[in-house]
Structure formats: C-alpha cells, structure tokens
Amino acid sequence: MELLLIVLVLVALVVGAVASTVRIVPQARRYNIERFGRYRGTLQPGLNFVIPLVDRVNTKLDVREQVYSSNPRPVITEDNLVVAIDTVLYYQITDPRAAAYEVADYLQAIDQLTVTTLRNLIGSMDLESTLTSRETINVRLREVLDDATGKWGIRVNRVEIKAIDPPASIKEAMEKQMRAERDKRAAILHAEGKRASLILEAEGTRQKSILEAEGHQQARVLEADGEANALERVFQAVHANDADAKVLAYKYLEMLPSLAAHGNSFWVIPGELTEAMRTVTGAFADSASRSAGDSGNNSSNNGDERRTPPVPAPRDAIEQAQREAHEEALKAVEAAKEESARAERIVG
C-alpha cells in the first residue's frame, strides 16, 4: 500500500514537471522568459517548452494596438489662460523586451511625456490659436512621443486632442462675442438687402420717368406731325381750288370767335387781319357801287316813262355783299374739304 502511494506521488510529480515545461502562448501575445532572474527570450504564439523551476514567465504583453485616454490636465496658454486638455493615444508594442525592461511603467511615462509636450506647445500659443490649431498640435505631439517611445519598444500611431475646455468666464465671453458677430452679420445682410431694394426701386422710378417722358415726346411729335400734315393738305386743297382773297379774308374773320372762346384775358390780332378787313371792305364797296351804277343806267334809259326805282340802302348792299362772300367762302370750304378727302383716300 505504501509502495502504491509512493508510485502515485512520483507519477504526479512527473506529470507536474512535464506540464510545467509546456507554455501555450495565445495569438497577439508575447511572454518574456527569465532564467534565474535574467532575461532569456520572448515566447511567440503557439506551443513552447521551458525548463521547470529554472525558467519563469516575467511579463505577458499584448502587441495589438492599444487606446489610452488621459485625464484632463490644466495647461496655461501664452495669454495666461488655464485650459483643460485631455488626449487620446493610440500605441502599439513593437519590442516586448524593451517595453518590459527599458521603462518601469510605459503608460505612465507616455502620459507624463504627453502632458509635458502639451505644456511646451500650448505655452507658446494663445487661446484662439490653441482652439484653431488642433491638427498642428496633434502632429507635433505625435512626433515628440514617437521619438521618445521608440527606445521603449512602443510605436505611437496617433495622438488626438479630445477636448480643450477654457474657463467658464472665457466660454461666456466667447459666446457673447459669437452672438455679437452673428448679430453684426445679420444687420449687414439686412442693410445690404435694403440698399439693393432702394437701388432697384430708384432704377425703376428712373426708367418709368424716362419712358413716360419719351412717350409724351413721341405723342407730341406725332401730334405736331399730324397737324402739319393736316395744314399741308388744307393749304394744298385751297391752292388747288384757287381760292380768292375774299375767301381767305372771310376765314380770318371766322377764326376770331375761336380765338376769343379760350377764355384768354387778351389775344393778339395778326398783322394780316387789317389787310383782310380792307379786302372785305373793298369787296363790299365794289358790290355796293355795282348796284348803284346799274340803277343809274336803268333810270337814264327809261326817262320819265317809268318811275325811278328806289336806291337800295347801303345797309342792304352790305348785307347782300356779306351773303355773297359767305356763299363763296362756303363753296371754297366745301371744295377744300372735298380735295382733302380725296387726298386722304389717295394716301390711304
């Protein structure tokens, strides 16, 4: 019984020793092996054998890309404003031995180096430049970290500034400034729109005045052309019918009531009116002398056999001459109208 127990213990020890010699490393992992406290090698993914009680695993490292988010850190800008900046770091272990033996805590070292670099960069920039130069800060920060962490077996793939928080008073002032800028732009746009509207309205009024003036001008020109054509046709008709001085004198007299009918307090008598009056008076005198001569001849031929007819009064002679002149003027006017109508038909 005791022998069986001893055998079982020996078998267990052998199985334990054999099991301790086998190390299975998962994918994307690296194990650093020490022999009697000294670095011997790094186990790769898969099945590995070590010497029991001699070799031991010191560190187990993940060589995948890691993400490290730092806490907000206060940083003073060039214009003496304190801002809180937190960053996001993307890194990857490229040398497990250096990551385990070159630095005690690579995450703390990277965090402190990030804060120091940020303070150097932000300290030479004002607040406005800090808020608008994130890409520049990211590139510069990555260059510094990549250069410093290379000997630690770590490659910094990317560094991003997650947030830049200025003080509350600065935020309030910035919001007021942005609101004022928006109000200013709105007022400028409103003023520009009103200015454009007034300019367009003035241009429209100007074009309207110009078009109305041109329309009045063309209307007056056409009206003057029409009157000129009408007068020309009337004169052509009068000359074509060979109207004598009596008719023209009568037309002068006929125009006097129309001149007085416009309500003018005074009106000008044309110089030709006196000549027209003399013409009419001469015509009336000729008619009266002809009537008197005819009556004298008839009385001398008959002698005492007949009674001498009464000589018409000058008033009757004048009226008769007026009637004759009126009839002749009417005939001339009718002839002028016919000639004008004929000319219009020809022109039309």
Protein backbone atom coordinates (compact mmCIF):
# COMPACT_ATOMS: atom_id res chain seq x y z
CA MET A 1 0.00 0.00 0.00
CA GLU A 2 2.80 2.32 0.85
CA LEU A 3 4.53 1.38 -2.37
CA LEU A 4 1.45 2.24 -4.38
CA LEU A 5 1.22 5.58 -2.67
CA ILE A 6 4.85 6.37 -3.47
CA VAL A 7 4.31 5.45 -7.10
CA LEU A 8 1.29 7.72 -7.36
CA VAL A 9 3.22 10.62 -5.88
CA LEU A 10 6.10 10.07 -8.30
CA VAL A 11 3.70 9.94 -11.24
CA ALA A 12 2.07 13.14 -10.10
CA LEU A 13 5.44 14.84 -9.81
CA VAL A 14 6.43 13.66 -13.27
CA VAL A 15 3.13 14.85 -14.74
CA GLY A 16 3.51 18.20 -12.97
CA ALA A 17 7.08 18.57 -14.21
CA VAL A 18 6.10 17.74 -17.77
CA ALA A 19 3.15 20.14 -17.61
CA SER A 20 5.39 22.90 -16.27
CA THR A 21 7.65 22.56 -19.25
CA VAL A 22 4.87 23.39 -21.71
CA ARG A 23 3.78 27.00 -22.34
CA ILE A 24 0.97 27.81 -24.82
CA VAL A 25 1.02 31.49 -25.92
CA PRO A 26 -2.19 32.93 -27.49
CA GLN A 27 -2.14 34.92 -30.72
CA ALA A 28 -1.10 38.60 -30.39
CA ARG A 29 0.55 37.87 -27.05
CA ARG A 30 4.21 37.84 -26.04
CA TYR A 31 5.72 36.24 -22.92
CA ASN A 32 9.09 37.33 -21.58
CA ILE A 33 11.03 34.39 -20.07
CA GLU A 34 13.68 34.78 -17.33
CA ARG A 35 16.20 32.08 -16.33
CA PHE A 36 17.48 32.50 -12.84
CA GLY A 37 16.24 36.09 -12.93
CA ARG A 38 17.87 37.01 -16.23
CA TYR A 39 16.04 37.65 -19.50
CA ARG A 40 16.33 34.60 -21.74
CA GLY A 41 13.82 35.24 -24.55
CA THR A 42 10.31 36.01 -25.63
CA LEU A 43 7.86 33.24 -26.29
CA GLN A 44 5.95 33.55 -29.56
CA PRO A 45 2.33 32.48 -30.08
CA GLY A 46 1.90 28.69 -30.09
CA LEU A 47 3.41 25.76 -28.15
CA ASN A 48 6.63 26.50 -26.28
CA PHE A 49 8.81 24.47 -23.84
CA VAL A 50 10.64 25.79 -20.83
CA ILE A 51 12.74 24.21 -18.08
CA PRO A 52 10.72 23.76 -14.94
CA LEU A 53 11.98 25.51 -11.83
CA VAL A 54 14.57 27.28 -13.98
CA ASP A 55 12.63 29.36 -16.46
CA ARG A 56 9.71 31.53 -15.49
CA VAL A 57 7.38 33.94 -17.29
CA ASN A 58 8.14 37.50 -16.18
CA THR A 59 5.65 39.64 -18.23
CA LYS A 60 2.77 38.94 -20.56
CA LEU A 61 2.31 41.66 -23.16
CA ASP A 62 -0.43 42.38 -25.71
CA VAL A 63 1.09 43.52 -29.03
CA ARG A 64 -2.19 44.72 -30.51
CA GLU A 65 -2.83 48.47 -30.95
CA GLN A 66 -3.99 49.93 -27.67
CA VAL A 67 -6.03 53.03 -26.83
CA TYR A 68 -5.16 55.15 -23.82
CA SER A 69 -7.30 58.12 -22.79
CA SER A 70 -5.71 60.53 -20.34
CA ASN A 71 -7.49 62.62 -17.77
CA PRO A 72 -7.92 66.39 -18.39
CA ARG A 73 -4.77 68.26 -17.47
CA PRO A 74 -4.51 72.03 -16.84
CA VAL A 75 -2.31 73.88 -19.33
CA ILE A 76 -1.50 77.61 -19.38
CA THR A 77 -1.59 79.41 -22.72
CA GLU A 78 0.61 82.29 -23.82
CA ASP A 79 -2.07 84.83 -22.81
CA ASN A 80 -2.12 83.36 -19.25
CA LEU A 81 -5.36 81.42 -19.53
CA VAL A 82 -5.73 77.99 -17.94
CA VAL A 83 -7.36 75.41 -20.20
CA ALA A 84 -8.06 71.74 -19.51
CA ILE A 85 -6.86 69.39 -22.25
CA ASP A 86 -7.36 65.65 -22.45
CA THR A 87 -5.87 63.45 -25.15
CA VAL A 88 -6.41 60.04 -26.71
CA LEU A 89 -3.31 57.99 -27.51
CA TYR A 90 -3.12 55.06 -29.96
CA TYR A 91 0.05 53.00 -29.43
CA GLN A 92 1.41 49.52 -30.13
CA ILE A 93 4.19 47.43 -28.52
CA THR A 94 6.81 46.52 -31.11
CA ASP A 95 9.55 45.21 -28.79
CA PRO A 96 8.26 43.25 -25.76
CA ARG A 97 11.72 43.08 -24.16
CA ALA A 98 12.23 46.88 -24.28
CA ALA A 99 8.68 47.52 -23.09
CA ALA A 100 9.32 45.30 -20.07
CA TYR A 101 12.92 46.25 -19.18
CA GLU A 102 13.59 49.74 -20.59
CA VAL A 103 10.83 51.53 -18.68
CA ALA A 104 9.11 50.67 -15.46
CA ASP A 105 5.59 51.78 -16.48
CA TYR A 106 5.34 52.77 -20.10
CA LEU A 107 1.73 54.06 -19.79
CA GLN A 108 2.66 56.47 -17.00
CA ALA A 109 5.77 57.51 -18.93
CA ILE A 110 3.72 58.19 -22.06
CA ASP A 111 1.11 60.15 -20.06
CA GLN A 112 3.71 62.36 -18.39
CA LEU A 113 5.55 62.92 -21.65
CA THR A 114 2.24 63.90 -23.31
CA VAL A 115 1.46 66.46 -20.59
CA THR A 116 4.96 67.95 -20.76
CA THR A 117 4.86 68.23 -24.55
CA LEU A 118 1.40 69.81 -24.47
CA ARG A 119 2.53 72.43 -21.96
CA ASN A 120 5.51 73.31 -24.14
CA LEU A 121 3.34 73.61 -27.25
CA ILE A 122 0.34 75.41 -25.71
CA GLY A 123 2.60 77.73 -23.73
CA SER A 124 3.75 79.33 -26.99
CA MET A 125 0.22 79.79 -28.36
CA ASP A 126 -2.68 81.99 -27.35
CA LEU A 127 -6.19 80.69 -26.72
CA GLU A 128 -7.51 81.40 -30.21
CA SER A 129 -4.55 79.64 -31.84
CA THR A 130 -4.96 76.71 -29.46
CA LEU A 131 -8.61 76.26 -30.38
CA THR A 132 -7.96 76.51 -34.12
CA SER A 133 -4.68 74.57 -34.39
CA ARG A 134 -5.62 71.11 -33.19
CA GLU A 135 -4.17 69.36 -36.22
CA THR A 136 -0.83 71.13 -35.79
CA ILE A 137 -0.73 70.20 -32.11
CA ASN A 138 -1.59 66.57 -32.91
CA VAL A 139 1.20 66.24 -35.48
CA ARG A 140 3.80 67.87 -33.25
CA LEU A 141 2.76 65.78 -30.26
CA ARG A 142 2.95 62.56 -32.25
CA GLU A 143 6.45 63.39 -33.49
CA VAL A 144 7.74 64.01 -29.96
CA LEU A 145 6.09 60.89 -28.47
CA ASP A 146 7.16 58.62 -31.31
CA ASP A 147 10.76 59.76 -30.98
CA ALA A 148 10.80 59.31 -27.21
CA THR A 149 8.93 55.99 -27.00
CA GLY A 150 10.95 54.28 -29.75
CA LYS A 151 13.61 53.11 -27.27
CA TRP A 152 10.84 51.75 -25.06
CA GLY A 153 9.71 49.37 -27.79
CA ILE A 154 6.48 51.29 -28.34
CA ARG A 155 5.25 52.94 -31.53
CA VAL A 156 2.76 55.82 -31.20
CA ASN A 157 0.46 55.56 -34.18
CA ARG A 158 -1.81 58.50 -33.48
CA VAL A 159 -2.46 61.22 -30.92
CA GLU A 160 -5.72 63.16 -30.79
CA ILE A 161 -6.78 66.04 -28.58
CA LYS A 162 -10.19 65.02 -27.31
CA ALA A 163 -11.24 68.29 -25.70
CA ILE A 164 -9.96 71.77 -24.90
CA ASP A 165 -12.01 73.36 -22.14
CA PRO A 166 -11.36 77.06 -21.38
CA PRO A 167 -12.62 78.59 -18.11
CA ALA A 168 -16.34 79.31 -17.70
CA SER A 169 -15.85 83.09 -17.89
CA ILE A 170 -13.94 82.71 -21.13
CA LYS A 171 -16.67 80.47 -22.53
CA GLU A 172 -19.30 83.08 -21.66
CA ALA A 173 -17.24 85.85 -23.26
CA MET A 174 -16.70 83.75 -26.37
CA GLU A 175 -20.43 83.04 -26.61
CA LYS A 176 -21.20 86.76 -26.33
CA GLN A 177 -18.61 87.53 -29.00
CA MET A 178 -20.04 84.89 -31.33
CA ARG A 179 -23.56 86.21 -30.71
CA ALA A 180 -22.39 89.74 -31.45
CA GLU A 181 -20.70 88.57 -34.65
CA ARG A 182 -23.87 86.83 -35.78
CA ASP A 183 -25.97 89.91 -34.99
CA LYS A 184 -23.47 92.04 -36.89
CA ARG A 185 -23.60 89.78 -39.95
CA ALA A 186 -27.40 89.75 -39.80
CA ALA A 187 -27.52 93.57 -39.60
CA ILE A 188 -25.08 93.86 -42.50
CA LEU A 189 -27.08 91.44 -44.63
CA HIS A 190 -30.31 93.30 -43.78
CA ALA A 191 -28.74 96.66 -44.65
CA GLU A 192 -27.34 95.30 -47.91
CA GLY A 193 -30.75 93.89 -48.83
CA LYS A 194 -32.46 97.20 -48.04
CA ARG A 195 -29.83 99.08 -50.03
CA ALA A 196 -30.31 96.78 -53.02
CA SER A 197 -34.08 97.20 -52.74
CA LEU A 198 -33.82 101.01 -52.69
CA ILE A 199 -31.44 100.96 -55.65
CA LEU A 200 -33.78 98.77 -57.65
CA GLU A 201 -36.75 100.94 -56.72
CA ALA A 202 -34.87 104.10 -57.74
CA GLU A 203 -33.83 102.47 -61.01
CA GLY A 204 -37.45 101.50 -61.66
CA THR A 205 -38.67 105.04 -60.92
CA ARG A 206 -35.99 106.47 -63.17
CA GLN A 207 -36.85 104.11 -66.02
CA LYS A 208 -40.54 104.89 -65.55
CA SER A 209 -39.90 108.66 -65.73
CA ILE A 210 -37.70 108.24 -68.79
CA LEU A 211 -40.27 106.07 -70.56
CA GLU A 212 -43.11 108.46 -69.69
CA ALA A 213 -41.07 111.43 -70.95
CA GLU A 214 -40.22 109.60 -74.14
CA GLY A 215 -43.88 108.65 -74.57
CA HIS A 216 -45.01 112.28 -74.10
CA GLN A 217 -42.32 113.42 -76.50
CA GLN A 218 -43.31 110.92 -79.16
CA ALA A 219 -47.00 111.78 -78.66
CA ARG A 220 -46.31 115.50 -79.10
CA VAL A 221 -44.12 114.82 -82.13
CA LEU A 222 -46.82 112.66 -83.72
CA GLU A 223 -49.48 115.24 -82.87
CA ALA A 224 -47.36 118.00 -84.41
CA ASP A 225 -46.73 115.85 -87.47
CA GLY A 226 -50.46 115.23 -87.77
CA GLU A 227 -51.28 118.92 -87.51
CA ALA A 228 -48.56 119.74 -90.02
CA ASN A 229 -49.90 117.14 -92.45
CA ALA A 230 -53.47 118.41 -91.97
CA LEU A 231 -52.44 122.04 -92.58
CA GLU A 232 -50.38 121.00 -95.55
CA ARG A 233 -53.36 119.19 -97.06
CA VAL A 234 -55.67 122.15 -96.34
CA PHE A 235 -53.27 124.58 -97.99
CA GLN A 236 -52.83 122.23 -100.91
CA ALA A 237 -56.61 121.99 -101.28
CA VAL A 238 -57.02 125.80 -101.04
CA HIS A 239 -54.33 126.45 -103.63
CA ALA A 240 -55.64 123.69 -105.85
CA ASN A 241 -59.11 125.33 -105.88
CA ASP A 242 -57.59 128.79 -106.38
CA ALA A 243 -59.44 130.48 -103.51
CA ASP A 244 -59.52 134.26 -103.90
CA ALA A 245 -58.74 136.90 -101.30
CA LYS A 246 -62.37 137.18 -100.24
CA VAL A 247 -62.49 133.60 -99.03
CA LEU A 248 -59.21 133.95 -97.15
CA ALA A 249 -60.39 137.21 -95.58
CA TYR A 250 -63.60 135.52 -94.54
CA LYS A 251 -61.66 132.65 -92.94
CA TYR A 252 -59.65 135.22 -90.98
CA LEU A 253 -62.88 136.70 -89.66
CA GLU A 254 -64.25 133.24 -88.95
CA MET A 255 -61.26 132.41 -86.71
CA LEU A 256 -61.73 135.43 -84.42
CA PRO A 257 -64.54 133.85 -82.29
CA SER A 258 -62.47 130.68 -81.77
CA LEU A 259 -59.54 132.78 -80.53
CA ALA A 260 -61.82 134.58 -78.05
CA ALA A 261 -63.51 131.33 -76.93
CA HIS A 262 -60.47 130.06 -74.96
CA GLY A 263 -61.14 132.42 -72.07
CA ASN A 264 -57.97 134.48 -72.51
CA SER A 265 -57.99 137.96 -70.99
CA PHE A 266 -56.28 139.30 -74.11
CA TRP A 267 -55.43 137.94 -77.54
CA VAL A 268 -53.17 139.08 -80.33
CA ILE A 269 -54.58 140.20 -83.68
CA PRO A 270 -52.40 139.02 -86.57
CA GLY A 271 -50.94 141.66 -88.90
CA GLU A 272 -52.73 140.17 -91.89
CA LEU A 273 -56.13 140.90 -90.29
CA THR A 274 -56.06 144.58 -91.32
CA GLU A 275 -55.34 143.57 -94.88
CA ALA A 276 -58.18 141.07 -94.65
CA MET A 277 -60.53 143.78 -93.37
CA ARG A 278 -59.55 146.05 -96.21
CA THR A 279 -60.19 143.23 -98.65
CA VAL A 280 -63.63 142.54 -97.21
CA THR A 281 -64.46 146.25 -97.09
CA GLY A 282 -63.33 146.69 -100.71
CA ALA A 283 -65.44 143.74 -101.75
CA PHE A 284 -68.47 145.19 -100.02
CA ALA A 285 -67.80 148.65 -101.60
CA ASP A 286 -67.45 147.14 -105.07
CA SER A 287 -70.72 145.30 -104.65
CA ALA A 288 -72.47 148.50 -103.50
CA SER A 289 -71.02 150.60 -106.41
CA ARG A 290 -72.05 147.95 -108.92
CA SER A 291 -75.58 148.01 -107.61
CA ALA A 292 -75.71 151.82 -107.69
CA GLY A 293 -74.32 152.00 -111.27
CA ASP A 294 -76.87 149.52 -112.52
CA SER A 295 -79.68 151.52 -111.00
CA GLY A 296 -78.43 154.83 -112.59
CA ASN A 297 -78.21 153.33 -116.04
CA ASN A 298 -81.73 151.98 -115.91
CA SER A 299 -83.14 155.35 -114.84
CA SER A 300 -81.43 157.29 -117.64
CA ASN A 301 -82.62 154.92 -120.32
CA ASN A 302 -86.26 154.98 -119.29
CA GLY A 303 -86.50 158.68 -118.65
CA ASP A 304 -89.79 159.89 -117.41
CA GLU A 305 -91.74 156.99 -118.86
CA ARG A 306 -91.05 154.88 -115.79
CA ARG A 307 -90.79 155.64 -112.19
CA THR A 308 -87.25 155.68 -110.89
CA PRO A 309 -86.80 152.61 -108.58
CA PRO A 310 -85.64 153.33 -105.07
CA VAL A 311 -81.91 153.06 -104.49
CA PRO A 312 -81.13 150.28 -102.01
CA ALA A 313 -79.80 151.49 -98.73
CA PRO A 314 -76.12 150.95 -98.00
CA ARG A 315 -77.11 148.56 -95.20
CA ASP A 316 -78.87 146.30 -97.70
CA ALA A 317 -75.89 146.42 -100.02
CA ILE A 318 -73.56 145.43 -97.24
CA GLU A 319 -75.75 142.53 -96.18
CA GLN A 320 -76.01 141.34 -99.76
CA ALA A 321 -72.23 141.54 -100.14
CA GLN A 322 -71.83 139.59 -96.91
CA ARG A 323 -74.19 136.92 -98.15
CA GLU A 324 -72.34 136.64 -101.43
CA ALA A 325 -68.99 136.49 -99.68
CA HIS A 326 -70.38 133.90 -97.27
CA GLU A 327 -71.69 131.77 -100.12
CA GLU A 328 -68.40 131.97 -101.96
CA ALA A 329 -66.49 131.11 -98.78
CA LEU A 330 -68.77 128.12 -98.17
CA LYS A 331 -68.18 126.91 -101.69
CA ALA A 332 -64.43 127.29 -101.28
CA VAL A 333 -64.52 125.47 -97.94
CA GLU A 334 -66.61 122.64 -99.42
CA ALA A 335 -64.19 122.37 -102.30
CA ALA A 336 -61.26 122.32 -99.85
CA LYS A 337 -62.93 119.57 -97.83
CA GLU A 338 -63.56 117.50 -100.93
CA GLU A 339 -59.99 117.96 -102.03
CA SER A 340 -58.74 117.00 -98.56
CA ALA A 341 -60.96 113.89 -98.52
CA ARG A 342 -59.69 112.95 -101.97
CA ALA A 343 -56.13 113.38 -100.83
CA GLU A 344 -56.77 111.22 -97.75
CA ARG A 345 -58.26 108.47 -99.90
CA ILE A 346 -55.26 108.60 -102.20
CA VAL A 347 -52.86 108.48 -99.28
CA GLY A 348 -54.83 105.76 -97.53
